[in-house]
Amino acid sequence: MGKRYFCEYCQRGFQDNLTARNKHLKSSIHIKNQQLWYHQFRDTQSLYNDALRKKPCQSYLATGVCQFGNHCNYRHLSDQELYNLKQSIENEPLLSNEEILAKWFVRRKSTEDLKKEERETIDDETSYLKVPPNLKPFGLLPPSLQPPPYICCLTTCFNEWG
């Protein structure tokens, strides 16, 4: 059977060899899906500018549904939605890159502090569910390396195992 490659953009799997992978990565469907993925993270100003350049989709305006969905070349925003988008842009404060980074660092620090407090309270309740000392310098660990929550251990019946 051999190894299989799964494309997260296209939600499709195929045999993992050089020719199949290159063929998929160069396909128009993959390129379009990749663009759609990155376009969902655009700022409101670029969304508004993009919407102004496109003509309205007549099918979407008439029925509320477009057979092309996100791949449509026309605009799926009504005039009211465009106006609301413009208002949100005008109400948005203009921040420099340094201010954006500082804001992000503050948010990250506050979430790390909250998680640290949660870990300390859990550590007080359970001495057997601690992160090993050699993993503590890494900070936030992925879920697979974190100990299970204390509540999970209370509700699990260990007598039925094995």
N, C-alpha and C. Protein backbone atom coordinates (compact mmCIF):
# COMPACT_ATOMS: atom_id res chain seq x y z
N MET A 1 0.83 -1.19 0.00
CA MET A 1 0.00 0.00 0.00
C MET A 1 0.87 1.25 0.00
N GLY A 2 1.88 1.42 0.79
CA GLY A 2 2.74 2.59 0.73
C GLY A 2 2.21 3.75 1.57
N LYS A 3 3.03 4.77 1.72
CA LYS A 3 2.67 5.93 2.51
C LYS A 3 1.69 6.81 1.75
N ARG A 4 0.87 7.52 2.55
CA ARG A 4 -0.09 8.44 1.96
C ARG A 4 0.18 9.84 2.49
N TYR A 5 -0.05 10.82 1.64
CA TYR A 5 0.11 12.22 2.00
C TYR A 5 -1.28 12.82 2.10
N PHE A 6 -1.54 13.62 3.15
CA PHE A 6 -2.84 14.27 3.31
C PHE A 6 -2.65 15.77 3.24
N CYS A 7 -3.34 16.40 2.30
CA CYS A 7 -3.27 17.84 2.12
C CYS A 7 -4.32 18.51 3.01
N GLU A 8 -3.87 19.34 3.94
CA GLU A 8 -4.79 20.01 4.86
C GLU A 8 -5.65 21.07 4.16
N TYR A 9 -5.13 21.69 3.12
CA TYR A 9 -5.90 22.70 2.40
C TYR A 9 -7.06 22.08 1.64
N CYS A 10 -6.82 20.96 0.98
CA CYS A 10 -7.81 20.34 0.11
C CYS A 10 -8.61 19.24 0.82
N GLN A 11 -8.19 18.85 2.02
CA GLN A 11 -8.81 17.75 2.75
C GLN A 11 -8.86 16.50 1.87
N ARG A 12 -7.71 16.16 1.30
CA ARG A 12 -7.63 15.07 0.34
C ARG A 12 -6.31 14.33 0.56
N GLY A 13 -6.36 13.02 0.47
CA GLY A 13 -5.17 12.22 0.60
C GLY A 13 -4.79 11.58 -0.73
N PHE A 14 -3.51 11.33 -0.91
CA PHE A 14 -3.04 10.66 -2.13
C PHE A 14 -1.72 9.98 -1.82
N GLN A 15 -1.27 9.13 -2.72
CA GLN A 15 -0.03 8.39 -2.52
C GLN A 15 1.15 9.36 -2.45
N ASP A 16 2.02 9.12 -1.49
CA ASP A 16 3.13 10.04 -1.25
C ASP A 16 4.34 9.65 -2.09
N ASN A 17 4.38 10.16 -3.30
CA ASN A 17 5.59 10.06 -4.12
C ASN A 17 5.80 11.41 -4.80
N LEU A 18 6.95 11.62 -5.33
CA LEU A 18 7.32 12.93 -5.85
C LEU A 18 6.40 13.41 -6.96
N THR A 19 6.07 12.57 -7.91
CA THR A 19 5.23 13.00 -9.04
C THR A 19 3.82 13.32 -8.59
N ALA A 20 3.24 12.48 -7.72
CA ALA A 20 1.87 12.74 -7.26
C ALA A 20 1.80 14.01 -6.43
N ARG A 21 2.80 14.23 -5.56
CA ARG A 21 2.81 15.42 -4.73
C ARG A 21 2.98 16.68 -5.58
N ASN A 22 3.90 16.66 -6.53
CA ASN A 22 4.09 17.82 -7.40
C ASN A 22 2.86 18.11 -8.24
N LYS A 23 2.22 17.05 -8.73
CA LYS A 23 1.01 17.23 -9.53
C LYS A 23 -0.08 17.88 -8.69
N HIS A 24 -0.22 17.44 -7.44
CA HIS A 24 -1.26 18.01 -6.58
C HIS A 24 -0.93 19.46 -6.21
N LEU A 25 0.33 19.72 -5.84
CA LEU A 25 0.71 21.07 -5.41
C LEU A 25 0.60 22.10 -6.53
N LYS A 26 0.69 21.65 -7.77
CA LYS A 26 0.58 22.57 -8.91
C LYS A 26 -0.84 22.65 -9.45
N SER A 27 -1.78 21.86 -8.90
CA SER A 27 -3.14 21.86 -9.42
C SER A 27 -3.85 23.16 -9.05
N SER A 28 -4.78 23.57 -9.88
CA SER A 28 -5.49 24.83 -9.65
C SER A 28 -6.36 24.75 -8.41
N ILE A 29 -6.91 23.59 -8.10
CA ILE A 29 -7.75 23.44 -6.91
C ILE A 29 -6.92 23.66 -5.65
N HIS A 30 -5.74 23.08 -5.60
CA HIS A 30 -4.88 23.24 -4.42
C HIS A 30 -4.47 24.70 -4.26
N ILE A 31 -4.09 25.34 -5.34
CA ILE A 31 -3.67 26.74 -5.27
C ILE A 31 -4.81 27.62 -4.80
N LYS A 32 -6.02 27.37 -5.30
CA LYS A 32 -7.19 28.15 -4.89
C LYS A 32 -7.51 27.92 -3.41
N ASN A 33 -7.45 26.67 -2.96
CA ASN A 33 -7.72 26.37 -1.55
C ASN A 33 -6.68 27.00 -0.64
N GLN A 34 -5.44 27.01 -1.07
CA GLN A 34 -4.37 27.62 -0.29
C GLN A 34 -4.60 29.13 -0.18
N GLN A 35 -5.00 29.75 -1.28
CA GLN A 35 -5.30 31.19 -1.26
C GLN A 35 -6.47 31.49 -0.33
N LEU A 36 -7.51 30.65 -0.38
CA LEU A 36 -8.66 30.87 0.49
C LEU A 36 -8.27 30.76 1.96
N TRP A 37 -7.39 29.84 2.28
CA TRP A 37 -6.94 29.67 3.66
C TRP A 37 -6.25 30.94 4.15
N TYR A 38 -5.34 31.48 3.36
CA TYR A 38 -4.61 32.66 3.79
C TYR A 38 -5.46 33.93 3.71
N HIS A 39 -6.44 33.94 2.85
CA HIS A 39 -7.29 35.12 2.73
C HIS A 39 -8.19 35.31 3.94
N GLN A 40 -8.47 34.24 4.68
CA GLN A 40 -9.33 34.39 5.84
C GLN A 40 -8.65 35.14 6.98
N PHE A 41 -7.34 35.35 6.89
CA PHE A 41 -6.61 36.06 7.92
C PHE A 41 -6.28 37.50 7.53
N ARG A 42 -6.89 37.98 6.46
CA ARG A 42 -6.61 39.35 6.01
C ARG A 42 -7.25 40.36 6.95
N ASP A 43 -6.73 41.58 6.93
CA ASP A 43 -7.31 42.65 7.73
C ASP A 43 -8.54 43.22 7.03
N THR A 44 -9.33 43.99 7.75
CA THR A 44 -10.59 44.49 7.21
C THR A 44 -10.38 45.46 6.05
N GLN A 45 -9.28 46.23 6.08
CA GLN A 45 -9.03 47.17 4.98
C GLN A 45 -8.83 46.44 3.67
N SER A 46 -8.05 45.38 3.66
CA SER A 46 -7.83 44.64 2.42
C SER A 46 -9.10 43.91 1.98
N LEU A 47 -9.91 43.45 2.94
CA LEU A 47 -11.20 42.84 2.58
C LEU A 47 -12.11 43.85 1.88
N TYR A 48 -12.14 45.05 2.42
CA TYR A 48 -12.98 46.10 1.86
C TYR A 48 -12.50 46.50 0.46
N ASN A 49 -11.19 46.68 0.30
CA ASN A 49 -10.64 47.05 -1.01
C ASN A 49 -10.91 45.96 -2.04
N ASP A 50 -10.77 44.72 -1.64
CA ASP A 50 -11.03 43.59 -2.54
C ASP A 50 -12.50 43.54 -2.95
N ALA A 51 -13.38 43.81 -1.98
CA ALA A 51 -14.82 43.77 -2.27
C ALA A 51 -15.22 44.90 -3.22
N LEU A 52 -14.58 46.05 -3.10
CA LEU A 52 -14.90 47.17 -3.98
C LEU A 52 -14.49 46.90 -5.43
N ARG A 53 -13.40 46.16 -5.62
CA ARG A 53 -12.93 45.85 -6.97
C ARG A 53 -13.84 44.87 -7.70
N LYS A 54 -14.55 44.03 -6.96
CA LYS A 54 -15.38 43.00 -7.59
C LYS A 54 -16.79 43.51 -7.85
N LYS A 55 -17.40 42.97 -8.88
CA LYS A 55 -18.81 43.26 -9.16
C LYS A 55 -19.67 42.35 -8.28
N PRO A 56 -20.91 42.77 -7.96
CA PRO A 56 -21.77 41.90 -7.15
C PRO A 56 -22.18 40.65 -7.91
N CYS A 57 -22.30 39.55 -7.20
CA CYS A 57 -22.71 38.27 -7.79
C CYS A 57 -24.23 38.28 -7.92
N GLN A 58 -24.72 38.26 -9.15
CA GLN A 58 -26.17 38.34 -9.38
C GLN A 58 -26.90 37.11 -8.84
N SER A 59 -26.28 35.95 -8.96
CA SER A 59 -26.89 34.72 -8.47
C SER A 59 -27.03 34.77 -6.95
N TYR A 60 -26.01 35.26 -6.27
CA TYR A 60 -26.04 35.33 -4.81
C TYR A 60 -27.05 36.37 -4.34
N LEU A 61 -27.12 37.50 -5.04
CA LEU A 61 -28.07 38.53 -4.64
C LEU A 61 -29.52 38.10 -4.87
N ALA A 62 -29.75 37.32 -5.93
CA ALA A 62 -31.12 36.90 -6.25
C ALA A 62 -31.59 35.77 -5.34
N THR A 63 -30.75 34.79 -5.11
CA THR A 63 -31.20 33.60 -4.38
C THR A 63 -30.58 33.46 -3.00
N GLY A 64 -29.49 34.16 -2.74
CA GLY A 64 -28.80 34.00 -1.47
C GLY A 64 -27.82 32.84 -1.47
N VAL A 65 -27.69 32.17 -2.60
CA VAL A 65 -26.80 31.01 -2.74
C VAL A 65 -26.04 31.16 -4.05
N CYS A 66 -24.76 30.82 -4.02
CA CYS A 66 -23.96 30.83 -5.23
C CYS A 66 -23.37 29.45 -5.41
N GLN A 67 -23.50 28.90 -6.61
CA GLN A 67 -23.01 27.54 -6.85
C GLN A 67 -21.49 27.44 -6.75
N PHE A 68 -20.78 28.56 -6.88
CA PHE A 68 -19.33 28.54 -6.81
C PHE A 68 -18.80 28.75 -5.40
N GLY A 69 -19.64 29.21 -4.48
CA GLY A 69 -19.23 29.39 -3.09
C GLY A 69 -18.07 30.35 -2.94
N ASN A 70 -17.04 29.94 -2.21
CA ASN A 70 -15.88 30.79 -1.98
C ASN A 70 -15.01 30.97 -3.22
N HIS A 71 -15.21 30.12 -4.23
CA HIS A 71 -14.41 30.20 -5.45
C HIS A 71 -15.00 31.19 -6.47
N CYS A 72 -16.09 31.83 -6.11
CA CYS A 72 -16.76 32.76 -7.03
C CYS A 72 -15.88 33.99 -7.25
N ASN A 73 -15.88 34.50 -8.48
CA ASN A 73 -15.07 35.67 -8.83
C ASN A 73 -15.79 36.97 -8.52
N TYR A 74 -17.04 36.90 -8.06
CA TYR A 74 -17.82 38.10 -7.79
C TYR A 74 -18.01 38.29 -6.29
N ARG A 75 -18.52 39.46 -5.92
CA ARG A 75 -18.68 39.85 -4.52
C ARG A 75 -19.97 39.27 -3.94
N HIS A 76 -19.87 38.72 -2.72
CA HIS A 76 -21.05 38.18 -2.03
C HIS A 76 -21.45 39.04 -0.85
N LEU A 77 -21.07 40.30 -0.86
CA LEU A 77 -21.45 41.23 0.19
C LEU A 77 -22.51 42.18 -0.32
N SER A 78 -23.54 42.41 0.49
CA SER A 78 -24.57 43.38 0.11
C SER A 78 -24.03 44.79 0.36
N ASP A 79 -24.79 45.79 -0.08
CA ASP A 79 -24.37 47.18 0.13
C ASP A 79 -24.32 47.50 1.63
N GLN A 80 -25.27 46.95 2.40
CA GLN A 80 -25.29 47.18 3.84
C GLN A 80 -24.05 46.57 4.52
N GLU A 81 -23.68 45.38 4.09
CA GLU A 81 -22.49 44.73 4.65
C GLU A 81 -21.22 45.50 4.29
N LEU A 82 -21.17 46.05 3.07
CA LEU A 82 -20.03 46.89 2.67
C LEU A 82 -19.96 48.15 3.53
N TYR A 83 -21.11 48.75 3.78
CA TYR A 83 -21.17 49.95 4.61
C TYR A 83 -20.70 49.63 6.03
N ASN A 84 -21.16 48.51 6.59
CA ASN A 84 -20.74 48.11 7.94
C ASN A 84 -19.23 47.85 7.99
N LEU A 85 -18.70 47.25 6.93
CA LEU A 85 -17.27 47.00 6.86
C LEU A 85 -16.49 48.31 6.82
N LYS A 86 -16.99 49.26 6.07
CA LYS A 86 -16.34 50.57 5.99
C LYS A 86 -16.38 51.28 7.34
N GLN A 87 -17.52 51.19 8.04
CA GLN A 87 -17.64 51.81 9.36
C GLN A 87 -16.68 51.18 10.36
N SER A 88 -16.52 49.86 10.30
CA SER A 88 -15.60 49.20 11.23
C SER A 88 -14.16 49.61 10.94
N ILE A 89 -13.84 49.87 9.67
CA ILE A 89 -12.48 50.33 9.32
C ILE A 89 -12.26 51.74 9.86
N GLU A 90 -13.26 52.60 9.75
CA GLU A 90 -13.11 53.97 10.23
C GLU A 90 -13.02 54.02 11.75
N ASN A 91 -13.71 53.11 12.43
CA ASN A 91 -13.69 53.09 13.90
C ASN A 91 -12.45 52.39 14.46
N GLU A 92 -11.75 51.66 13.62
CA GLU A 92 -10.56 50.94 14.03
C GLU A 92 -9.41 51.92 14.23
N PRO A 93 -8.74 51.87 15.39
CA PRO A 93 -7.60 52.78 15.57
C PRO A 93 -6.40 52.31 14.73
N LEU A 94 -5.66 53.26 14.20
CA LEU A 94 -4.47 52.94 13.42
C LEU A 94 -3.30 52.69 14.37
N LEU A 95 -2.72 51.50 14.29
CA LEU A 95 -1.62 51.14 15.16
C LEU A 95 -0.37 50.88 14.34
N SER A 96 0.77 51.23 14.90
CA SER A 96 2.04 50.92 14.24
C SER A 96 2.38 49.46 14.52
N ASN A 97 3.38 48.96 13.81
CA ASN A 97 3.79 47.57 14.01
C ASN A 97 4.27 47.33 15.44
N GLU A 98 4.96 48.31 16.02
CA GLU A 98 5.45 48.17 17.39
C GLU A 98 4.28 48.08 18.37
N GLU A 99 3.24 48.89 18.15
CA GLU A 99 2.07 48.86 19.04
C GLU A 99 1.32 47.53 18.92
N ILE A 100 1.24 47.02 17.70
CA ILE A 100 0.57 45.73 17.49
C ILE A 100 1.32 44.63 18.21
N LEU A 101 2.66 44.62 18.08
CA LEU A 101 3.47 43.61 18.76
C LEU A 101 3.38 43.74 20.27
N ALA A 102 3.41 44.97 20.77
CA ALA A 102 3.31 45.17 22.22
C ALA A 102 1.98 44.67 22.75
N LYS A 103 0.91 44.94 22.01
CA LYS A 103 -0.42 44.47 22.39
C LYS A 103 -0.47 42.95 22.40
N TRP A 104 0.14 42.33 21.40
CA TRP A 104 0.15 40.87 21.31
C TRP A 104 0.94 40.27 22.47
N PHE A 105 2.09 40.88 22.80
CA PHE A 105 2.89 40.37 23.91
C PHE A 105 2.14 40.47 25.23
N VAL A 106 1.41 41.55 25.43
CA VAL A 106 0.63 41.72 26.66
C VAL A 106 -0.44 40.64 26.75
N ARG A 107 -1.15 40.40 25.64
CA ARG A 107 -2.18 39.35 25.63
C ARG A 107 -1.57 37.99 25.90
N ARG A 108 -0.44 37.71 25.27
CA ARG A 108 0.21 36.41 25.46
C ARG A 108 0.68 36.24 26.90
N LYS A 109 1.26 37.29 27.46
CA LYS A 109 1.75 37.23 28.84
C LYS A 109 0.59 36.98 29.80
N SER A 110 -0.55 37.66 29.57
CA SER A 110 -1.69 37.48 30.47
C SER A 110 -2.25 36.06 30.38
N THR A 111 -2.30 35.49 29.16
CA THR A 111 -2.80 34.11 29.05
C THR A 111 -1.81 33.13 29.66
N GLU A 112 -0.50 33.40 29.53
CA GLU A 112 0.50 32.52 30.16
C GLU A 112 0.39 32.59 31.67
N ASP A 113 0.14 33.80 32.21
CA ASP A 113 -0.01 33.94 33.65
C ASP A 113 -1.23 33.20 34.15
N LEU A 114 -2.34 33.31 33.40
CA LEU A 114 -3.55 32.58 33.79
C LEU A 114 -3.33 31.09 33.78
N LYS A 115 -2.67 30.60 32.73
CA LYS A 115 -2.41 29.17 32.65
C LYS A 115 -1.46 28.73 33.75
N LYS A 116 -0.51 29.59 34.11
CA LYS A 116 0.42 29.25 35.18
C LYS A 116 -0.32 29.15 36.51
N GLU A 117 -1.25 30.09 36.75
CA GLU A 117 -2.05 30.04 37.97
C GLU A 117 -2.90 28.78 38.02
N GLU A 118 -3.50 28.43 36.87
CA GLU A 118 -4.30 27.21 36.82
C GLU A 118 -3.43 25.99 37.12
N ARG A 119 -2.22 25.96 36.55
CA ARG A 119 -1.32 24.83 36.78
C ARG A 119 -0.90 24.75 38.23
N GLU A 120 -0.68 25.90 38.87
CA GLU A 120 -0.28 25.89 40.27
C GLU A 120 -1.39 25.36 41.16
N THR A 121 -2.65 25.75 40.87
CA THR A 121 -3.75 25.23 41.68
C THR A 121 -3.94 23.74 41.46
N ILE A 122 -3.77 23.29 40.25
CA ILE A 122 -3.88 21.87 39.96
C ILE A 122 -2.72 21.13 40.62
N ASP A 123 -1.51 21.71 40.60
CA ASP A 123 -0.36 21.07 41.22
C ASP A 123 -0.56 20.92 42.72
N ASP A 124 -1.24 21.89 43.35
CA ASP A 124 -1.51 21.78 44.77
C ASP A 124 -2.45 20.61 45.06
N GLU A 125 -3.45 20.41 44.19
CA GLU A 125 -4.43 19.36 44.40
C GLU A 125 -3.87 17.98 44.09
N THR A 126 -3.02 17.89 43.08
CA THR A 126 -2.52 16.60 42.65
C THR A 126 -1.01 16.64 42.54
N SER A 127 -0.36 15.87 43.34
CA SER A 127 1.09 15.84 43.27
C SER A 127 1.58 14.86 42.22
N TYR A 128 0.72 13.94 41.79
CA TYR A 128 1.13 12.91 40.83
C TYR A 128 0.90 13.33 39.39
N LEU A 129 0.28 14.47 39.13
CA LEU A 129 0.03 14.92 37.76
C LEU A 129 0.87 16.16 37.45
N LYS A 130 2.15 16.13 37.69
CA LYS A 130 3.01 17.28 37.45
C LYS A 130 3.80 17.11 36.17
N VAL A 131 4.14 18.25 35.57
CA VAL A 131 4.99 18.24 34.38
C VAL A 131 6.41 17.91 34.85
N PRO A 132 7.11 17.02 34.17
CA PRO A 132 8.48 16.69 34.56
C PRO A 132 9.36 17.94 34.54
N PRO A 133 10.33 18.04 35.45
CA PRO A 133 11.16 19.24 35.54
C PRO A 133 11.94 19.57 34.27
N ASN A 134 12.31 18.55 33.50
CA ASN A 134 13.07 18.83 32.29
C ASN A 134 12.21 19.42 31.18
N LEU A 135 10.87 19.40 31.30
CA LEU A 135 9.99 20.00 30.29
C LEU A 135 9.50 21.39 30.69
N LYS A 136 9.70 21.79 31.94
CA LYS A 136 9.21 23.10 32.40
C LYS A 136 9.84 24.29 31.68
N PRO A 137 11.11 24.26 31.29
CA PRO A 137 11.69 25.43 30.60
C PRO A 137 11.02 25.73 29.26
N PHE A 138 10.31 24.78 28.68
CA PHE A 138 9.69 25.00 27.37
C PHE A 138 8.40 25.81 27.45
N GLY A 139 7.90 26.09 28.64
CA GLY A 139 6.69 26.91 28.78
C GLY A 139 5.45 26.14 28.41
N LEU A 140 4.68 26.70 27.48
CA LEU A 140 3.42 26.07 27.07
C LEU A 140 3.72 24.84 26.23
N LEU A 141 3.31 23.70 26.74
CA LEU A 141 3.53 22.44 26.04
C LEU A 141 2.34 22.09 25.18
N PRO A 142 2.52 21.30 24.13
CA PRO A 142 1.37 20.84 23.35
C PRO A 142 0.49 19.93 24.20
N PRO A 143 -0.78 19.80 23.85
CA PRO A 143 -1.70 19.00 24.66
C PRO A 143 -1.24 17.56 24.90
N SER A 144 -0.52 16.99 23.95
CA SER A 144 -0.10 15.60 24.12
C SER A 144 0.95 15.44 25.22
N LEU A 145 1.67 16.52 25.56
CA LEU A 145 2.69 16.44 26.60
C LEU A 145 2.23 17.00 27.94
N GLN A 146 1.04 17.60 27.98
CA GLN A 146 0.53 18.13 29.24
C GLN A 146 -0.13 17.02 30.05
N PRO A 147 -0.06 17.11 31.38
CA PRO A 147 -0.74 16.10 32.18
C PRO A 147 -2.25 16.25 32.05
N PRO A 148 -3.01 15.18 32.22
CA PRO A 148 -4.46 15.29 32.10
C PRO A 148 -5.03 16.16 33.22
N PRO A 149 -6.17 16.81 32.97
CA PRO A 149 -6.75 17.64 34.02
C PRO A 149 -7.19 16.79 35.21
N TYR A 150 -7.17 17.40 36.38
CA TYR A 150 -7.50 16.69 37.61
C TYR A 150 -8.93 16.14 37.57
N ILE A 151 -9.86 16.92 37.01
CA ILE A 151 -11.27 16.51 36.94
C ILE A 151 -11.41 15.25 36.09
N CYS A 152 -10.63 15.15 35.04
CA CYS A 152 -10.67 13.98 34.17
C CYS A 152 -10.32 12.71 34.95
N CYS A 153 -9.36 12.83 35.86
CA CYS A 153 -8.95 11.66 36.64
C CYS A 153 -10.01 11.27 37.67
N LEU A 154 -10.79 12.25 38.12
CA LEU A 154 -11.83 11.94 39.10
C LEU A 154 -12.98 11.17 38.47
N THR A 155 -13.29 11.48 37.22
CA THR A 155 -14.44 10.86 36.56
C THR A 155 -14.12 9.56 35.86
N THR A 156 -12.84 9.24 35.72
CA THR A 156 -12.44 8.03 35.01
C THR A 156 -12.37 6.85 35.99
N CYS A 157 -12.92 5.73 35.60
CA CYS A 157 -12.88 4.53 36.43
C CYS A 157 -11.69 3.68 35.95
N PHE A 158 -10.65 3.58 36.77
CA PHE A 158 -9.45 2.86 36.39
C PHE A 158 -9.57 1.35 36.63
N ASN A 159 -10.64 0.90 37.28
CA ASN A 159 -10.79 -0.52 37.58
C ASN A 159 -11.10 -1.33 36.33
N GLU A 160 -11.64 -0.70 35.29
CA GLU A 160 -12.06 -1.41 34.10
C GLU A 160 -10.93 -1.60 33.09
N TRP A 161 -9.78 -1.04 33.34
CA TRP A 161 -8.68 -1.16 32.40
C TRP A 161 -8.05 -2.53 32.45
N GLY A 162 -7.66 -3.04 31.28
CA GLY A 162 -6.88 -4.26 31.16
C GLY A 162 -7.59 -5.43 31.72
